[in-house]
């Protein structure tokens, strides 16, 4: 049975390993150089300062996946909008961990006062990520053709969006 919990510094070597797999072997991420454990620590610390969730799924005594909500864009007016990131260890796909992570990520982002969550999904030819997001109420907000080039091919992205919190958000203080 898997447990979804807040990421801790001692989880980051496993997080780095999972991330490196996708960076080096897939077009699911446009990153071309894997992040070091130190870089993951900076991200964990930054998200904690912002009050945003960084989660791991633990299964069979190991880190089986991770998810976090990061700032959508750097301009201040976007401060209530986050972008989700979810990756699973290859041996742990298809077991419901993505569902568990995204559900907890949506909840944590709402509790942090966020109002919109954006998913930027690389067109890998696999429908799983878009289907997962649709199950959580995300709707397609647009498509950007040929915006990334990795592993010898051009890659499109699909943008999906989900409202967080109340239908009409309160005006921030």
N, C-alpha and C. Protein backbone atom coordinates (compact mmCIF):
# COMPACT_ATOMS: atom_id res chain seq x y z
N UNK A 1 0.84 -1.18 0.00
CA UNK A 1 0.00 0.00 0.00
C UNK A 1 0.90 1.25 0.00
N UNK A 2 0.52 2.23 -0.78
CA UNK A 2 1.31 3.46 -0.91
C UNK A 2 0.81 4.52 0.07
N UNK A 3 1.75 5.34 0.48
CA UNK A 3 1.47 6.46 1.35
C UNK A 3 1.95 7.72 0.64
N UNK A 4 1.10 8.74 0.57
CA UNK A 4 1.50 10.04 0.03
C UNK A 4 1.76 10.94 1.22
N UNK A 5 2.94 11.59 1.20
CA UNK A 5 3.33 12.45 2.32
C UNK A 5 4.20 13.58 1.80
N UNK A 6 4.45 14.54 2.67
CA UNK A 6 5.34 15.64 2.34
C UNK A 6 6.75 15.11 2.12
N UNK A 7 7.42 15.64 1.11
CA UNK A 7 8.80 15.24 0.83
C UNK A 7 9.71 15.76 1.93
N UNK A 8 10.74 14.96 2.22
CA UNK A 8 11.76 15.32 3.19
C UNK A 8 13.12 15.33 2.50
N UNK A 9 14.10 16.01 3.08
CA UNK A 9 15.42 16.03 2.46
C UNK A 9 15.99 14.64 2.17
N UNK A 10 15.72 13.67 3.03
CA UNK A 10 16.27 12.33 2.79
C UNK A 10 15.57 11.59 1.64
N UNK A 11 14.50 12.15 1.09
CA UNK A 11 13.82 11.58 -0.09
C UNK A 11 14.45 12.03 -1.39
N UNK A 12 15.27 13.06 -1.34
CA UNK A 12 15.66 13.76 -2.58
C UNK A 12 16.59 12.97 -3.48
N UNK A 13 17.38 12.04 -2.96
CA UNK A 13 18.20 11.20 -3.83
C UNK A 13 17.30 10.35 -4.72
N UNK A 14 16.23 9.80 -4.15
CA UNK A 14 15.29 9.00 -4.94
C UNK A 14 14.52 9.87 -5.93
N UNK A 15 14.13 11.07 -5.49
CA UNK A 15 13.45 12.02 -6.38
C UNK A 15 14.37 12.35 -7.55
N UNK A 16 15.64 12.62 -7.27
CA UNK A 16 16.60 12.94 -8.33
C UNK A 16 16.74 11.78 -9.31
N UNK A 17 16.75 10.57 -8.80
CA UNK A 17 16.87 9.39 -9.67
C UNK A 17 15.66 9.25 -10.58
N UNK A 18 14.47 9.42 -10.03
CA UNK A 18 13.25 9.34 -10.84
C UNK A 18 13.27 10.44 -11.90
N UNK A 19 13.55 11.66 -11.48
CA UNK A 19 13.60 12.77 -12.43
C UNK A 19 14.62 12.55 -13.53
N UNK A 20 15.79 12.04 -13.17
CA UNK A 20 16.85 11.80 -14.16
C UNK A 20 16.40 10.81 -15.22
N UNK A 21 15.65 9.79 -14.83
CA UNK A 21 15.14 8.84 -15.82
C UNK A 21 14.35 9.56 -16.91
N UNK A 22 13.45 10.45 -16.51
CA UNK A 22 12.60 11.15 -17.49
C UNK A 22 13.40 12.16 -18.30
N UNK A 23 14.36 12.82 -17.68
CA UNK A 23 15.19 13.79 -18.40
C UNK A 23 16.01 13.08 -19.47
N UNK A 24 16.63 11.97 -19.12
CA UNK A 24 17.57 11.30 -20.03
C UNK A 24 16.90 10.40 -21.07
N UNK A 25 15.71 9.89 -20.78
CA UNK A 25 15.13 8.85 -21.62
C UNK A 25 13.81 9.19 -22.28
N UNK A 26 13.22 10.34 -21.96
CA UNK A 26 11.91 10.65 -22.49
C UNK A 26 11.82 12.11 -22.93
N UNK A 27 10.70 12.45 -23.55
CA UNK A 27 10.39 13.85 -23.87
C UNK A 27 9.27 14.37 -22.97
N UNK A 28 8.97 13.63 -21.89
CA UNK A 28 7.93 14.07 -20.96
C UNK A 28 8.31 15.37 -20.28
N UNK A 29 9.60 15.61 -20.14
CA UNK A 29 10.10 16.87 -19.61
C UNK A 29 11.02 17.49 -20.65
N UNK A 30 11.03 18.79 -20.71
CA UNK A 30 11.92 19.47 -21.66
C UNK A 30 13.30 19.72 -21.06
N UNK A 31 13.49 19.37 -19.79
CA UNK A 31 14.83 19.47 -19.20
C UNK A 31 15.76 18.52 -19.94
N UNK A 32 17.00 18.93 -20.09
CA UNK A 32 17.99 18.10 -20.78
C UNK A 32 19.13 17.67 -19.87
N UNK A 33 19.21 18.24 -18.69
CA UNK A 33 20.23 17.88 -17.72
C UNK A 33 19.54 17.55 -16.40
N UNK A 34 19.78 16.35 -15.86
CA UNK A 34 19.14 16.00 -14.59
C UNK A 34 19.56 16.94 -13.46
N UNK A 35 18.63 17.21 -12.55
CA UNK A 35 18.93 18.03 -11.39
C UNK A 35 19.71 17.21 -10.36
N UNK A 36 20.62 17.87 -9.70
CA UNK A 36 21.37 17.23 -8.62
C UNK A 36 20.50 17.21 -7.36
N UNK A 37 20.94 16.42 -6.39
CA UNK A 37 20.23 16.39 -5.12
C UNK A 37 20.25 17.79 -4.49
N UNK A 38 21.36 18.51 -4.62
CA UNK A 38 21.43 19.87 -4.07
C UNK A 38 20.41 20.79 -4.74
N UNK A 39 20.22 20.65 -6.05
CA UNK A 39 19.21 21.46 -6.74
C UNK A 39 17.81 21.08 -6.29
N UNK A 40 17.58 19.79 -6.08
CA UNK A 40 16.27 19.37 -5.56
C UNK A 40 16.06 19.94 -4.16
N UNK A 41 17.10 20.02 -3.36
CA UNK A 41 16.98 20.59 -2.01
C UNK A 41 16.57 22.06 -2.10
N UNK A 42 17.17 22.79 -3.05
CA UNK A 42 16.79 24.20 -3.24
C UNK A 42 15.32 24.31 -3.60
N UNK A 43 14.84 23.41 -4.48
CA UNK A 43 13.42 23.45 -4.86
C UNK A 43 12.54 23.14 -3.65
N UNK A 44 12.89 22.11 -2.90
CA UNK A 44 12.12 21.76 -1.71
C UNK A 44 12.05 22.94 -0.75
N UNK A 45 13.18 23.58 -0.51
CA UNK A 45 13.21 24.74 0.40
C UNK A 45 12.39 25.91 -0.16
N UNK A 46 12.52 26.18 -1.45
CA UNK A 46 11.77 27.29 -2.07
C UNK A 46 10.27 27.05 -1.96
N UNK A 47 9.82 25.85 -2.29
CA UNK A 47 8.39 25.56 -2.22
C UNK A 47 7.89 25.63 -0.78
N UNK A 48 8.70 25.18 0.17
CA UNK A 48 8.31 25.26 1.58
C UNK A 48 8.15 26.72 2.01
N UNK A 49 9.08 27.58 1.58
CA UNK A 49 8.96 29.02 1.91
C UNK A 49 7.68 29.61 1.34
N UNK A 50 7.27 29.14 0.18
CA UNK A 50 6.06 29.64 -0.47
C UNK A 50 4.79 29.00 0.08
N UNK A 51 4.94 27.97 0.90
CA UNK A 51 3.78 27.25 1.43
C UNK A 51 3.14 26.31 0.43
N UNK A 52 3.91 25.90 -0.60
CA UNK A 52 3.38 25.04 -1.65
C UNK A 52 3.78 23.59 -1.41
N UNK A 53 2.93 22.66 -1.83
CA UNK A 53 3.21 21.25 -1.56
C UNK A 53 4.27 20.64 -2.47
N UNK A 54 5.12 19.82 -1.87
CA UNK A 54 6.07 18.94 -2.55
C UNK A 54 5.86 17.59 -1.88
N UNK A 55 5.37 16.63 -2.61
CA UNK A 55 4.92 15.36 -2.06
C UNK A 55 5.70 14.19 -2.66
N UNK A 56 5.74 13.09 -1.93
CA UNK A 56 6.25 11.84 -2.46
C UNK A 56 5.22 10.75 -2.19
N UNK A 57 5.25 9.74 -3.06
CA UNK A 57 4.49 8.52 -2.83
C UNK A 57 5.50 7.46 -2.42
N UNK A 58 5.25 6.84 -1.29
CA UNK A 58 6.14 5.80 -0.79
C UNK A 58 5.41 4.47 -0.90
N UNK A 59 6.02 3.50 -1.57
CA UNK A 59 5.42 2.18 -1.75
C UNK A 59 6.49 1.12 -1.54
N UNK A 60 6.15 0.11 -0.80
CA UNK A 60 7.09 -0.99 -0.56
C UNK A 60 8.42 -0.49 -0.02
N UNK A 61 8.38 0.52 0.83
CA UNK A 61 9.58 1.03 1.47
C UNK A 61 10.47 1.90 0.62
N UNK A 62 9.99 2.28 -0.57
CA UNK A 62 10.81 3.15 -1.43
C UNK A 62 9.99 4.29 -1.99
N UNK A 63 10.68 5.33 -2.43
CA UNK A 63 10.00 6.46 -3.05
C UNK A 63 9.61 6.03 -4.46
N UNK A 64 8.31 6.02 -4.72
CA UNK A 64 7.79 5.52 -5.99
C UNK A 64 7.36 6.63 -6.93
N UNK A 65 7.35 7.87 -6.44
CA UNK A 65 6.97 9.00 -7.28
C UNK A 65 6.99 10.27 -6.48
N UNK A 66 6.89 11.37 -7.20
CA UNK A 66 6.86 12.68 -6.53
C UNK A 66 5.96 13.62 -7.31
N UNK A 67 5.52 14.66 -6.62
CA UNK A 67 4.68 15.70 -7.23
C UNK A 67 4.90 16.99 -6.47
N UNK A 68 4.85 18.09 -7.19
CA UNK A 68 4.90 19.38 -6.52
C UNK A 68 4.13 20.41 -7.32
N UNK A 69 3.72 21.46 -6.62
CA UNK A 69 3.06 22.60 -7.24
C UNK A 69 4.03 23.77 -7.15
N UNK A 70 4.45 24.26 -8.32
CA UNK A 70 5.38 25.37 -8.36
C UNK A 70 4.75 26.58 -9.01
N UNK A 71 5.38 27.73 -8.86
CA UNK A 71 4.84 28.94 -9.48
C UNK A 71 4.65 28.75 -10.99
N UNK A 72 3.52 29.21 -11.50
CA UNK A 72 3.23 29.11 -12.93
C UNK A 72 4.15 30.03 -13.73
N UNK A 73 4.24 31.28 -13.32
CA UNK A 73 5.07 32.28 -13.99
C UNK A 73 5.68 33.18 -12.91
N UNK A 74 6.77 33.87 -13.21
CA UNK A 74 7.42 34.68 -12.17
C UNK A 74 6.76 36.03 -11.88
N UNK A 75 5.93 36.53 -12.78
CA UNK A 75 5.34 37.86 -12.55
C UNK A 75 4.34 37.80 -11.39
N UNK A 76 4.33 38.86 -10.55
CA UNK A 76 3.54 38.84 -9.31
C UNK A 76 2.05 38.56 -9.50
N UNK A 77 1.46 39.00 -10.58
CA UNK A 77 0.02 38.79 -10.75
C UNK A 77 -0.35 37.31 -10.87
N UNK A 78 0.63 36.46 -11.17
CA UNK A 78 0.38 35.01 -11.27
C UNK A 78 0.54 34.28 -9.94
N UNK A 79 0.71 35.00 -8.84
CA UNK A 79 1.08 34.37 -7.57
C UNK A 79 0.04 33.40 -7.02
N UNK A 80 -1.18 33.41 -7.53
CA UNK A 80 -2.20 32.47 -7.07
C UNK A 80 -2.42 31.32 -8.06
N UNK A 81 -1.51 31.18 -9.02
CA UNK A 81 -1.60 30.12 -10.02
C UNK A 81 -0.34 29.26 -9.93
N UNK A 82 -0.54 27.95 -9.91
CA UNK A 82 0.57 27.01 -9.83
C UNK A 82 0.54 26.06 -11.01
N UNK A 83 1.70 25.48 -11.30
CA UNK A 83 1.84 24.43 -12.30
C UNK A 83 2.16 23.13 -11.56
N UNK A 84 1.48 22.07 -11.92
CA UNK A 84 1.75 20.79 -11.27
C UNK A 84 2.82 20.01 -12.03
N UNK A 85 3.56 19.23 -11.28
CA UNK A 85 4.56 18.31 -11.82
C UNK A 85 4.39 16.99 -11.11
N UNK A 86 4.29 15.90 -11.87
CA UNK A 86 4.12 14.57 -11.29
C UNK A 86 4.96 13.59 -12.10
N UNK A 87 5.80 12.81 -11.42
CA UNK A 87 6.56 11.75 -12.07
C UNK A 87 6.58 10.52 -11.17
N UNK A 88 6.46 9.36 -11.80
CA UNK A 88 6.49 8.09 -11.09
C UNK A 88 7.70 7.29 -11.52
N UNK A 89 8.27 6.54 -10.59
CA UNK A 89 9.33 5.60 -10.94
C UNK A 89 8.76 4.62 -11.96
N UNK A 90 9.52 4.27 -13.00
CA UNK A 90 8.98 3.40 -14.05
C UNK A 90 8.36 2.10 -13.53
N UNK A 91 8.90 1.54 -12.48
CA UNK A 91 8.37 0.28 -11.94
C UNK A 91 7.05 0.47 -11.19
N UNK A 92 6.64 1.73 -10.98
CA UNK A 92 5.44 2.00 -10.18
C UNK A 92 4.32 2.67 -10.97
N UNK A 93 4.40 2.68 -12.28
CA UNK A 93 3.32 3.27 -13.06
C UNK A 93 2.15 2.28 -13.12
N UNK A 94 0.95 2.83 -13.37
CA UNK A 94 -0.23 1.99 -13.53
C UNK A 94 -0.77 1.41 -12.24
N UNK A 95 -0.38 1.96 -11.11
CA UNK A 95 -0.82 1.42 -9.81
C UNK A 95 -1.66 2.41 -9.02
N UNK A 96 -2.07 3.52 -9.65
CA UNK A 96 -2.89 4.50 -8.97
C UNK A 96 -2.12 5.55 -8.20
N UNK A 97 -0.80 5.53 -8.29
CA UNK A 97 -0.01 6.50 -7.54
C UNK A 97 -0.14 7.91 -8.10
N UNK A 98 -0.26 8.03 -9.42
CA UNK A 98 -0.47 9.35 -10.02
C UNK A 98 -1.77 9.97 -9.52
N UNK A 99 -2.81 9.15 -9.41
CA UNK A 99 -4.09 9.62 -8.89
C UNK A 99 -3.94 10.09 -7.45
N UNK A 100 -3.26 9.30 -6.63
CA UNK A 100 -3.07 9.67 -5.23
C UNK A 100 -2.26 10.96 -5.11
N UNK A 101 -1.20 11.08 -5.89
CA UNK A 101 -0.36 12.28 -5.83
C UNK A 101 -1.11 13.52 -6.31
N UNK A 102 -1.82 13.42 -7.44
CA UNK A 102 -2.51 14.59 -7.96
C UNK A 102 -3.63 15.03 -7.01
N UNK A 103 -4.36 14.08 -6.44
CA UNK A 103 -5.41 14.43 -5.48
C UNK A 103 -4.85 15.19 -4.29
N UNK A 104 -3.75 14.70 -3.74
CA UNK A 104 -3.13 15.37 -2.60
C UNK A 104 -2.54 16.72 -3.01
N UNK A 105 -2.03 16.80 -4.22
CA UNK A 105 -1.45 18.06 -4.71
C UNK A 105 -2.52 19.13 -4.88
N UNK A 106 -3.67 18.75 -5.44
CA UNK A 106 -4.79 19.69 -5.58
C UNK A 106 -5.23 20.17 -4.20
N UNK A 107 -5.40 19.24 -3.27
CA UNK A 107 -5.83 19.61 -1.92
C UNK A 107 -4.82 20.55 -1.26
N UNK A 108 -3.54 20.21 -1.35
CA UNK A 108 -2.51 21.03 -0.72
C UNK A 108 -2.42 22.42 -1.34
N UNK A 109 -2.63 22.49 -2.65
CA UNK A 109 -2.59 23.80 -3.33
C UNK A 109 -3.78 24.66 -2.94
N UNK A 110 -4.95 24.04 -2.80
CA UNK A 110 -6.12 24.79 -2.33
C UNK A 110 -5.89 25.33 -0.92
N UNK A 111 -5.34 24.48 -0.05
CA UNK A 111 -5.07 24.90 1.34
C UNK A 111 -4.04 26.03 1.37
N UNK A 112 -3.16 26.08 0.37
CA UNK A 112 -2.15 27.14 0.30
C UNK A 112 -2.72 28.43 -0.28
N UNK A 113 -4.02 28.43 -0.64
CA UNK A 113 -4.66 29.63 -1.15
C UNK A 113 -4.53 29.83 -2.65
N UNK A 114 -4.09 28.80 -3.36
CA UNK A 114 -3.97 28.92 -4.81
C UNK A 114 -5.37 28.85 -5.45
N UNK A 115 -5.50 29.47 -6.63
CA UNK A 115 -6.80 29.54 -7.29
C UNK A 115 -6.85 28.87 -8.65
N UNK A 116 -5.71 28.62 -9.27
CA UNK A 116 -5.69 27.92 -10.55
C UNK A 116 -4.49 26.97 -10.56
N UNK A 117 -4.68 25.81 -11.19
CA UNK A 117 -3.57 24.89 -11.39
C UNK A 117 -3.48 24.62 -12.89
N UNK A 118 -2.27 24.73 -13.40
CA UNK A 118 -2.00 24.53 -14.82
C UNK A 118 -1.17 23.26 -14.96
N UNK A 119 -1.50 22.46 -15.95
CA UNK A 119 -0.69 21.30 -16.34
C UNK A 119 -0.16 21.56 -17.73
N UNK A 120 1.14 21.42 -17.90
CA UNK A 120 1.78 21.53 -19.21
C UNK A 120 2.23 20.12 -19.56
N UNK A 121 1.53 19.51 -20.50
CA UNK A 121 1.74 18.10 -20.80
C UNK A 121 2.40 17.95 -22.16
N UNK A 122 3.60 17.39 -22.17
CA UNK A 122 4.31 17.16 -23.42
C UNK A 122 3.58 16.08 -24.21
N UNK A 123 3.50 16.29 -25.52
CA UNK A 123 2.84 15.33 -26.40
C UNK A 123 3.80 14.17 -26.68
N UNK A 124 3.75 13.18 -25.78
CA UNK A 124 4.62 12.02 -25.90
C UNK A 124 3.99 10.90 -26.72
N UNK A 125 2.73 11.07 -27.08
CA UNK A 125 2.00 10.01 -27.76
C UNK A 125 1.24 9.11 -26.80
N UNK A 126 1.44 9.31 -25.51
CA UNK A 126 0.75 8.53 -24.48
C UNK A 126 -0.36 9.38 -23.87
N UNK A 127 -1.57 8.84 -23.75
CA UNK A 127 -2.69 9.64 -23.24
C UNK A 127 -2.82 9.69 -21.72
N UNK A 128 -1.98 8.98 -20.98
CA UNK A 128 -2.17 8.80 -19.55
C UNK A 128 -2.21 10.09 -18.75
N UNK A 129 -1.28 11.00 -18.98
CA UNK A 129 -1.23 12.22 -18.17
C UNK A 129 -2.46 13.09 -18.39
N UNK A 130 -2.86 13.26 -19.64
CA UNK A 130 -4.06 14.07 -19.93
C UNK A 130 -5.30 13.41 -19.32
N UNK A 131 -5.39 12.09 -19.42
CA UNK A 131 -6.54 11.38 -18.85
C UNK A 131 -6.58 11.55 -17.33
N UNK A 132 -5.43 11.44 -16.68
CA UNK A 132 -5.36 11.65 -15.23
C UNK A 132 -5.87 13.04 -14.87
N UNK A 133 -5.39 14.04 -15.58
CA UNK A 133 -5.81 15.41 -15.28
C UNK A 133 -7.31 15.62 -15.54
N UNK A 134 -7.83 15.04 -16.60
CA UNK A 134 -9.27 15.16 -16.86
C UNK A 134 -10.09 14.57 -15.72
N UNK A 135 -9.63 13.46 -15.16
CA UNK A 135 -10.35 12.85 -14.03
C UNK A 135 -10.44 13.80 -12.83
N UNK A 136 -9.52 14.73 -12.74
CA UNK A 136 -9.54 15.70 -11.64
C UNK A 136 -10.15 17.04 -12.05
N UNK A 137 -10.85 17.07 -13.16
CA UNK A 137 -11.56 18.28 -13.54
C UNK A 137 -10.76 19.27 -14.36
N UNK A 138 -9.58 18.91 -14.80
CA UNK A 138 -8.82 19.79 -15.69
C UNK A 138 -9.46 19.79 -17.07
N UNK A 139 -9.44 20.92 -17.71
CA UNK A 139 -9.94 21.04 -19.08
C UNK A 139 -8.81 21.58 -19.95
N UNK A 140 -8.87 21.21 -21.21
CA UNK A 140 -7.84 21.68 -22.13
C UNK A 140 -7.99 23.18 -22.33
N UNK A 141 -6.88 23.88 -22.20
CA UNK A 141 -6.88 25.34 -22.33
C UNK A 141 -6.12 25.78 -23.57
N UNK A 142 -5.43 24.86 -24.23
CA UNK A 142 -4.71 25.22 -25.44
C UNK A 142 -3.64 24.21 -25.80
N UNK A 143 -3.09 24.41 -26.96
CA UNK A 143 -2.03 23.54 -27.46
C UNK A 143 -0.96 24.44 -28.09
N UNK A 144 0.28 24.09 -27.82
CA UNK A 144 1.40 24.80 -28.41
C UNK A 144 2.18 23.80 -29.25
N UNK A 145 2.15 23.97 -30.56
CA UNK A 145 2.81 23.03 -31.46
C UNK A 145 4.30 23.30 -31.56
N UNK A 146 5.08 22.22 -31.57
CA UNK A 146 6.52 22.27 -31.85
C UNK A 146 7.26 23.31 -31.03
N UNK A 147 7.00 23.37 -29.74
CA UNK A 147 7.66 24.36 -28.88
C UNK A 147 8.91 23.81 -28.20
N UNK A 148 9.12 22.51 -28.26
CA UNK A 148 10.30 21.91 -27.67
C UNK A 148 11.00 21.02 -28.67
N UNK A 149 12.31 20.93 -28.54
CA UNK A 149 13.09 20.04 -29.41
C UNK A 149 14.00 19.21 -28.51
N UNK A 150 13.80 17.91 -28.51
CA UNK A 150 14.57 17.03 -27.65
C UNK A 150 14.63 15.64 -28.27
N UNK A 151 15.74 15.00 -28.11
CA UNK A 151 15.95 13.65 -28.64
C UNK A 151 15.63 13.56 -30.13
N UNK A 152 16.00 14.62 -30.85
CA UNK A 152 15.87 14.59 -32.30
C UNK A 152 14.48 14.81 -32.85
N UNK A 153 13.59 15.34 -32.03
CA UNK A 153 12.23 15.59 -32.55
C UNK A 153 11.61 16.81 -31.91
N UNK A 154 10.67 17.38 -32.64
CA UNK A 154 9.88 18.51 -32.15
C UNK A 154 8.73 17.98 -31.31
N UNK A 155 8.44 18.70 -30.23
CA UNK A 155 7.41 18.25 -29.30
C UNK A 155 6.42 19.37 -29.04
N UNK A 156 5.16 19.02 -29.07
CA UNK A 156 4.07 19.95 -28.74
C UNK A 156 3.72 19.80 -27.27
N UNK A 157 3.01 20.77 -26.74
CA UNK A 157 2.48 20.65 -25.38
C UNK A 157 0.99 20.97 -25.40
N UNK A 158 0.30 20.32 -24.50
CA UNK A 158 -1.11 20.62 -24.24
C UNK A 158 -1.18 21.31 -22.89
N UNK A 159 -1.90 22.41 -22.84
CA UNK A 159 -2.11 23.11 -21.58
C UNK A 159 -3.48 22.72 -21.04
N UNK A 160 -3.52 22.34 -19.78
CA UNK A 160 -4.78 22.03 -19.11
C UNK A 160 -4.86 22.89 -17.86
N UNK A 161 -6.08 23.18 -17.44
CA UNK A 161 -6.29 24.11 -16.33
C UNK A 161 -7.41 23.60 -15.45
N UNK A 162 -7.27 23.85 -14.13
CA UNK A 162 -8.31 23.50 -13.17
C UNK A 162 -8.41 24.62 -12.14
N UNK A 163 -9.64 25.01 -11.87
CA UNK A 163 -9.89 26.00 -10.82
C UNK A 163 -9.69 25.31 -9.47
N UNK A 164 -9.10 26.04 -8.55
CA UNK A 164 -8.94 25.58 -7.18
C UNK A 164 -9.77 26.47 -6.28
N UNK A 165 -10.24 25.94 -5.19
CA UNK A 165 -11.00 26.75 -4.23
C UNK A 165 -12.38 27.11 -4.74
N UNK A 166 -12.96 28.16 -4.20
CA UNK A 166 -14.34 28.54 -4.56
C UNK A 166 -14.43 29.00 -6.01
N UNK A 167 -15.66 28.89 -6.57
CA UNK A 167 -15.88 29.28 -7.97
C UNK A 167 -15.56 30.75 -8.20
N UNK A 168 -15.88 31.59 -7.22
CA UNK A 168 -15.53 33.00 -7.33
C UNK A 168 -14.55 33.28 -6.19
N UNK A 169 -13.27 33.36 -6.52
CA UNK A 169 -12.30 33.53 -5.44
C UNK A 169 -12.45 34.85 -4.72
N UNK A 170 -12.17 34.82 -3.45
CA UNK A 170 -12.19 36.04 -2.65
C UNK A 170 -11.05 36.95 -3.11
N UNK A 171 -11.22 38.22 -2.95
CA UNK A 171 -10.18 39.18 -3.28
C UNK A 171 -9.10 39.08 -2.21
N UNK A 172 -7.84 38.86 -2.60
CA UNK A 172 -6.78 38.72 -1.60
C UNK A 172 -6.63 40.00 -0.77
N UNK A 173 -6.21 39.80 0.45
CA UNK A 173 -5.99 40.93 1.38
C UNK A 173 -4.74 41.69 0.97
